[in-house]
Amino acid sequence: MPAHPNPLVIGIAGGTGSGKTTVAQSILQRSGPERVAYIQHDAYYKDLSALPPAQRATTNFDHPNSLETELMVEHVRALKAGEVVELPIYDFTTHTRTAKTITVEPKPVILVEGILLFVEATLRELCDIKLFVDTDADIRFLRRLQRDISRKRKLLEKQK
């Protein structure tokens, strides 16, 4: 795909379970996937394969140190420059990155999403539009609980 001279970078942040992904999916559907390069901060969790499984499970994934934000910054800059990037795939059941990646091509809109997206000044500065999704803490807790139960089921099925 040809480089776009001034891609629009939209950042979406908010607490866990706030609806960031829902907002991102709405933008993606309304704009058309052919016009939007979509990357999630969740793909950039650090690979914990060097740690024992018990220690992996105790990691605070809601802390900025759990993410390889520098790589995400590099990828956003590359997409803005018209370059293709390879998005990591993170396996939440094992807390490791897989060997596979997803190819993301530059497009007129670059949509980035994550709970800690605006913590890093460099990421904030890369965003032309910044959206913060605010949802009541009780609702966010219930959504996260449902998601965690679903992930636990998948992990148990994988172990069978």
C-alpha atoms as a PDB file:
ATOM      1  CA  MET A   1       0.000   0.000   0.000  1.00  0.00           C
ATOM      2  CA  PRO A   2       1.409   3.451  -0.838  1.00  0.00           C
ATOM      3  CA  ALA A   3       2.531   5.659   2.027  1.00  0.00           C
ATOM      4  CA  HIS A   4       0.051   8.229   3.246  1.00  0.00           C
ATOM      5  CA  PRO A   5       1.599  11.672   3.669  1.00  0.00           C
ATOM      6  CA  ASN A   6      -0.090  12.514   6.977  1.00  0.00           C
ATOM      7  CA  PRO A   7      -1.807   9.545   8.582  1.00  0.00           C
ATOM      8  CA  LEU A   8      -4.148  10.426  11.420  1.00  0.00           C
ATOM      9  CA  VAL A   9      -3.189   8.699  14.683  1.00  0.00           C
ATOM     10  CA  ILE A  10      -6.076   8.088  17.081  1.00  0.00           C
ATOM     11  CA  GLY A  11      -5.256   6.905  20.598  1.00  0.00           C
ATOM     12  CA  ILE A  12      -7.877   5.253  22.801  1.00  0.00           C
ATOM     13  CA  ALA A  13      -7.179   4.713  26.495  1.00  0.00           C
ATOM     14  CA  GLY A  14      -9.225   3.874  29.574  1.00  0.00           C
ATOM     15  CA  GLY A  15      -9.370   1.446  32.436  1.00  0.00           C
ATOM     16  CA  THR A  16      -9.592  -2.306  32.038  1.00  0.00           C
ATOM     17  CA  GLY A  17     -13.070  -3.218  30.822  1.00  0.00           C
ATOM     18  CA  SER A  18     -14.025   0.391  30.056  1.00  0.00           C
ATOM     19  CA  GLY A  19     -15.013  -0.301  26.447  1.00  0.00           C
ATOM     20  CA  LYS A  20     -11.844   0.793  24.610  1.00  0.00           C
ATOM     21  CA  THR A  21     -11.944  -2.155  22.234  1.00  0.00           C
ATOM     22  CA  THR A  22     -15.646  -1.582  21.546  1.00  0.00           C
ATOM     23  CA  VAL A  23     -14.955   2.066  20.648  1.00  0.00           C
ATOM     24  CA  ALA A  24     -11.978   1.014  18.501  1.00  0.00           C
ATOM     25  CA  GLN A  25     -14.054  -1.627  16.695  1.00  0.00           C
ATOM     26  CA  SER A  26     -16.760   0.964  16.014  1.00  0.00           C
ATOM     27  CA  ILE A  27     -14.209   3.353  14.492  1.00  0.00           C
ATOM     28  CA  LEU A  28     -12.722   0.490  12.482  1.00  0.00           C
ATOM     29  CA  GLN A  29     -16.120  -0.607  11.133  1.00  0.00           C
ATOM     30  CA  ARG A  30     -17.326   2.911  10.348  1.00  0.00           C
ATOM     31  CA  SER A  31     -14.076   3.967   8.664  1.00  0.00           C
ATOM     32  CA  GLY A  32     -13.511   0.639   6.950  1.00  0.00           C
ATOM     33  CA  PRO A  33     -10.685  -1.781   7.700  1.00  0.00           C
ATOM     34  CA  GLU A  34      -9.037  -0.858   4.405  1.00  0.00           C
ATOM     35  CA  ARG A  35      -8.424   2.647   5.805  1.00  0.00           C
ATOM     36  CA  VAL A  36      -7.339   1.802   9.374  1.00  0.00           C
ATOM     37  CA  ALA A  37      -4.178   0.224  10.781  1.00  0.00           C
ATOM     38  CA  TYR A  38      -5.182  -1.066  14.229  1.00  0.00           C
ATOM     39  CA  ILE A  39      -2.745  -1.992  16.968  1.00  0.00           C
ATOM     40  CA  GLN A  40      -3.430  -2.783  20.611  1.00  0.00           C
ATOM     41  CA  HIS A  41      -1.040  -2.123  23.475  1.00  0.00           C
ATOM     42  CA  ASP A  42      -1.973  -5.607  24.788  1.00  0.00           C
ATOM     43  CA  ALA A  43       0.113  -7.111  21.975  1.00  0.00           C
ATOM     44  CA  TYR A  44       3.205  -5.508  23.487  1.00  0.00           C
ATOM     45  CA  TYR A  45       3.253  -7.201  26.885  1.00  0.00           C
ATOM     46  CA  LYS A  46       6.776  -8.346  27.642  1.00  0.00           C
ATOM     47  CA  ASP A  47       7.558 -11.969  26.921  1.00  0.00           C
ATOM     48  CA  LEU A  48       7.837 -13.730  30.292  1.00  0.00           C
ATOM     49  CA  SER A  49       8.954 -17.098  28.934  1.00  0.00           C
ATOM     50  CA  ALA A  50      12.240 -16.836  30.888  1.00  0.00           C
ATOM     51  CA  LEU A  51      10.293 -16.838  34.179  1.00  0.00           C
ATOM     52  CA  PRO A  52       8.777 -19.887  35.879  1.00  0.00           C
ATOM     53  CA  PRO A  53       4.992 -20.122  35.283  1.00  0.00           C
ATOM     54  CA  ALA A  54       4.175 -19.344  38.933  1.00  0.00           C
ATOM     55  CA  GLN A  55       6.180 -16.125  38.779  1.00  0.00           C
ATOM     56  CA  ARG A  56       4.575 -15.137  35.468  1.00  0.00           C
ATOM     57  CA  ALA A  57       1.137 -15.319  37.082  1.00  0.00           C
ATOM     58  CA  THR A  58       2.153 -12.835  39.797  1.00  0.00           C
ATOM     59  CA  THR A  59       3.164 -10.127  37.327  1.00  0.00           C
ATOM     60  CA  ASN A  60       1.186  -6.885  37.555  1.00  0.00           C
ATOM     61  CA  PHE A  61      -0.068  -6.488  33.989  1.00  0.00           C
ATOM     62  CA  ASP A  62      -1.669  -3.133  34.882  1.00  0.00           C
ATOM     63  CA  HIS A  63       1.752  -1.526  35.430  1.00  0.00           C
ATOM     64  CA  PRO A  64       3.649   0.290  32.653  1.00  0.00           C
ATOM     65  CA  ASN A  65       6.741  -1.878  33.232  1.00  0.00           C
ATOM     66  CA  SER A  66       4.806  -4.938  32.001  1.00  0.00           C
ATOM     67  CA  LEU A  67       4.692  -3.522  28.469  1.00  0.00           C
ATOM     68  CA  GLU A  68       7.323  -3.063  25.787  1.00  0.00           C
ATOM     69  CA  THR A  69       6.066   0.401  24.938  1.00  0.00           C
ATOM     70  CA  GLU A  70       9.282   1.313  23.118  1.00  0.00           C
ATOM     71  CA  LEU A  71       8.453  -1.285  20.461  1.00  0.00           C
ATOM     72  CA  MET A  72       4.922   0.082  20.098  1.00  0.00           C
ATOM     73  CA  VAL A  73       6.330   3.617  19.657  1.00  0.00           C
ATOM     74  CA  GLU A  74       8.705   2.255  17.018  1.00  0.00           C
ATOM     75  CA  HIS A  75       5.794   0.559  15.232  1.00  0.00           C
ATOM     76  CA  VAL A  76       3.563   3.663  15.281  1.00  0.00           C
ATOM     77  CA  ARG A  77       6.432   5.753  13.898  1.00  0.00           C
ATOM     78  CA  ALA A  78       7.077   3.148  11.198  1.00  0.00           C
ATOM     79  CA  LEU A  79       3.391   3.087  10.193  1.00  0.00           C
ATOM     80  CA  LYS A  80       3.397   6.900  10.041  1.00  0.00           C
ATOM     81  CA  ALA A  81       6.449   6.687   7.766  1.00  0.00           C
ATOM     82  CA  GLY A  82       4.610   4.302   5.433  1.00  0.00           C
ATOM     83  CA  GLU A  83       6.365   1.125   6.578  1.00  0.00           C
ATOM     84  CA  VAL A  84       4.842  -2.290   7.281  1.00  0.00           C
ATOM     85  CA  VAL A  85       5.193  -3.612  10.857  1.00  0.00           C
ATOM     86  CA  GLU A  86       4.946  -7.063  12.409  1.00  0.00           C
ATOM     87  CA  LEU A  87       2.609  -6.903  15.406  1.00  0.00           C
ATOM     88  CA  PRO A  88       3.546  -9.342  18.178  1.00  0.00           C
ATOM     89  CA  ILE A  89       0.951 -11.879  19.306  1.00  0.00           C
ATOM     90  CA  TYR A  90       0.727 -12.286  23.068  1.00  0.00           C
ATOM     91  CA  ASP A  91      -0.618 -15.490  24.632  1.00  0.00           C
ATOM     92  CA  PHE A  92      -2.383 -14.484  27.851  1.00  0.00           C
ATOM     93  CA  THR A  93      -2.788 -18.096  28.936  1.00  0.00           C
ATOM     94  CA  THR A  94       0.990 -18.619  29.170  1.00  0.00           C
ATOM     95  CA  HIS A  95       2.089 -14.965  29.553  1.00  0.00           C
ATOM     96  CA  THR A  96       4.435 -15.305  26.593  1.00  0.00           C
ATOM     97  CA  ARG A  97       4.706 -14.000  23.061  1.00  0.00           C
ATOM     98  CA  THR A  98       4.115 -16.476  20.310  1.00  0.00           C
ATOM     99  CA  ALA A  99       6.543 -16.922  17.436  1.00  0.00           C
ATOM    100  CA  LYS A 100       3.842 -15.667  15.048  1.00  0.00           C
ATOM    101  CA  THR A 101       3.111 -12.031  14.196  1.00  0.00           C
ATOM    102  CA  ILE A 102       0.396 -10.104  12.398  1.00  0.00           C
ATOM    103  CA  THR A 103       1.439  -7.959   9.444  1.00  0.00           C
ATOM    104  CA  VAL A 104       0.037  -4.429   9.741  1.00  0.00           C
ATOM    105  CA  GLU A 105       0.247  -2.193   6.695  1.00  0.00           C
ATOM    106  CA  PRO A 106       0.294   1.620   6.802  1.00  0.00           C
ATOM    107  CA  LYS A 107      -3.076   3.219   6.210  1.00  0.00           C
ATOM    108  CA  PRO A 108      -4.581   6.730   6.345  1.00  0.00           C
ATOM    109  CA  VAL A 109      -5.702   6.157   9.959  1.00  0.00           C
ATOM    110  CA  ILE A 110      -3.586   4.521  12.647  1.00  0.00           C
ATOM    111  CA  LEU A 111      -5.698   3.412  15.609  1.00  0.00           C
ATOM    112  CA  VAL A 112      -3.837   2.573  18.820  1.00  0.00           C
ATOM    113  CA  GLU A 113      -5.543   1.322  21.954  1.00  0.00           C
ATOM    114  CA  GLY A 114      -4.576   0.338  25.488  1.00  0.00           C
ATOM    115  CA  ILE A 115      -5.098   0.889  29.202  1.00  0.00           C
ATOM    116  CA  LEU A 116      -1.724   2.586  29.675  1.00  0.00           C
ATOM    117  CA  LEU A 117      -1.461   4.260  26.295  1.00  0.00           C
ATOM    118  CA  PHE A 118      -1.315   7.818  27.622  1.00  0.00           C
ATOM    119  CA  VAL A 119       1.117   7.059  30.463  1.00  0.00           C
ATOM    120  CA  GLU A 120       4.047   7.373  28.061  1.00  0.00           C
ATOM    121  CA  ALA A 121       4.645  10.937  26.860  1.00  0.00           C
ATOM    122  CA  THR A 122       6.058   9.690  23.552  1.00  0.00           C
ATOM    123  CA  LEU A 123       2.881   7.753  22.736  1.00  0.00           C
ATOM    124  CA  ARG A 124       0.692  10.706  23.739  1.00  0.00           C
ATOM    125  CA  GLU A 125       2.673  12.983  21.431  1.00  0.00           C
ATOM    126  CA  LEU A 126       2.257  10.576  18.503  1.00  0.00           C
ATOM    127  CA  CYS A 127      -1.545  10.724  18.812  1.00  0.00           C
ATOM    128  CA  ASP A 128      -3.380  13.415  16.870  1.00  0.00           C
ATOM    129  CA  ILE A 129      -6.657  12.567  18.604  1.00  0.00           C
ATOM    130  CA  LYS A 130      -6.805  11.199  22.149  1.00  0.00           C
ATOM    131  CA  LEU A 131      -9.928   9.471  23.447  1.00  0.00           C
ATOM    132  CA  PHE A 132     -10.348   8.367  27.048  1.00  0.00           C
ATOM    133  CA  VAL A 133     -13.161   5.890  27.681  1.00  0.00           C
ATOM    134  CA  ASP A 134     -14.523   6.323  31.208  1.00  0.00           C
ATOM    135  CA  THR A 135     -16.858   3.693  32.632  1.00  0.00           C
ATOM    136  CA  ASP A 136     -18.083   3.092  36.174  1.00  0.00           C
ATOM    137  CA  ALA A 137     -15.667   0.934  38.188  1.00  0.00           C
ATOM    138  CA  ASP A 138     -18.387  -1.642  39.031  1.00  0.00           C
ATOM    139  CA  ILE A 139     -19.144  -2.228  35.369  1.00  0.00           C
ATOM    140  CA  ARG A 140     -15.439  -2.440  34.504  1.00  0.00           C
ATOM    141  CA  PHE A 141     -14.922  -4.996  37.298  1.00  0.00           C
ATOM    142  CA  LEU A 142     -17.762  -7.196  36.014  1.00  0.00           C
ATOM    143  CA  ARG A 143     -16.461  -7.018  32.446  1.00  0.00           C
ATOM    144  CA  ARG A 144     -12.948  -7.933  33.555  1.00  0.00           C
ATOM    145  CA  LEU A 145     -14.262 -10.800  35.672  1.00  0.00           C
ATOM    146  CA  GLN A 146     -16.178 -12.190  32.689  1.00  0.00           C
ATOM    147  CA  ARG A 147     -13.111 -11.839  30.440  1.00  0.00           C
ATOM    148  CA  ASP A 148     -10.813 -13.494  33.000  1.00  0.00           C
ATOM    149  CA  ILE A 149     -13.234 -16.401  33.450  1.00  0.00           C
ATOM    150  CA  SER A 150     -13.365 -16.841  29.679  1.00  0.00           C
ATOM    151  CA  ARG A 151      -9.557 -16.835  29.452  1.00  0.00           C
ATOM    152  CA  LYS A 152      -9.328 -19.348  32.318  1.00  0.00           C
ATOM    153  CA  ARG A 153     -11.764 -21.657  30.485  1.00  0.00           C
ATOM    154  CA  LYS A 154      -9.634 -21.450  27.345  1.00  0.00           C
ATOM    155  CA  LEU A 155      -6.523 -22.263  29.364  1.00  0.00           C
ATOM    156  CA  LEU A 156      -8.217 -25.296  30.915  1.00  0.00           C
ATOM    157  CA  GLU A 157      -9.423 -26.479  27.496  1.00  0.00           C
ATOM    158  CA  LYS A 158      -5.919 -26.044  26.110  1.00  0.00           C
ATOM    159  CA  GLN A 159      -4.499 -28.202  28.903  1.00  0.00           C
ATOM    160  CA  LYS A 160      -6.898 -31.092  28.153  1.00  0.00           C
END
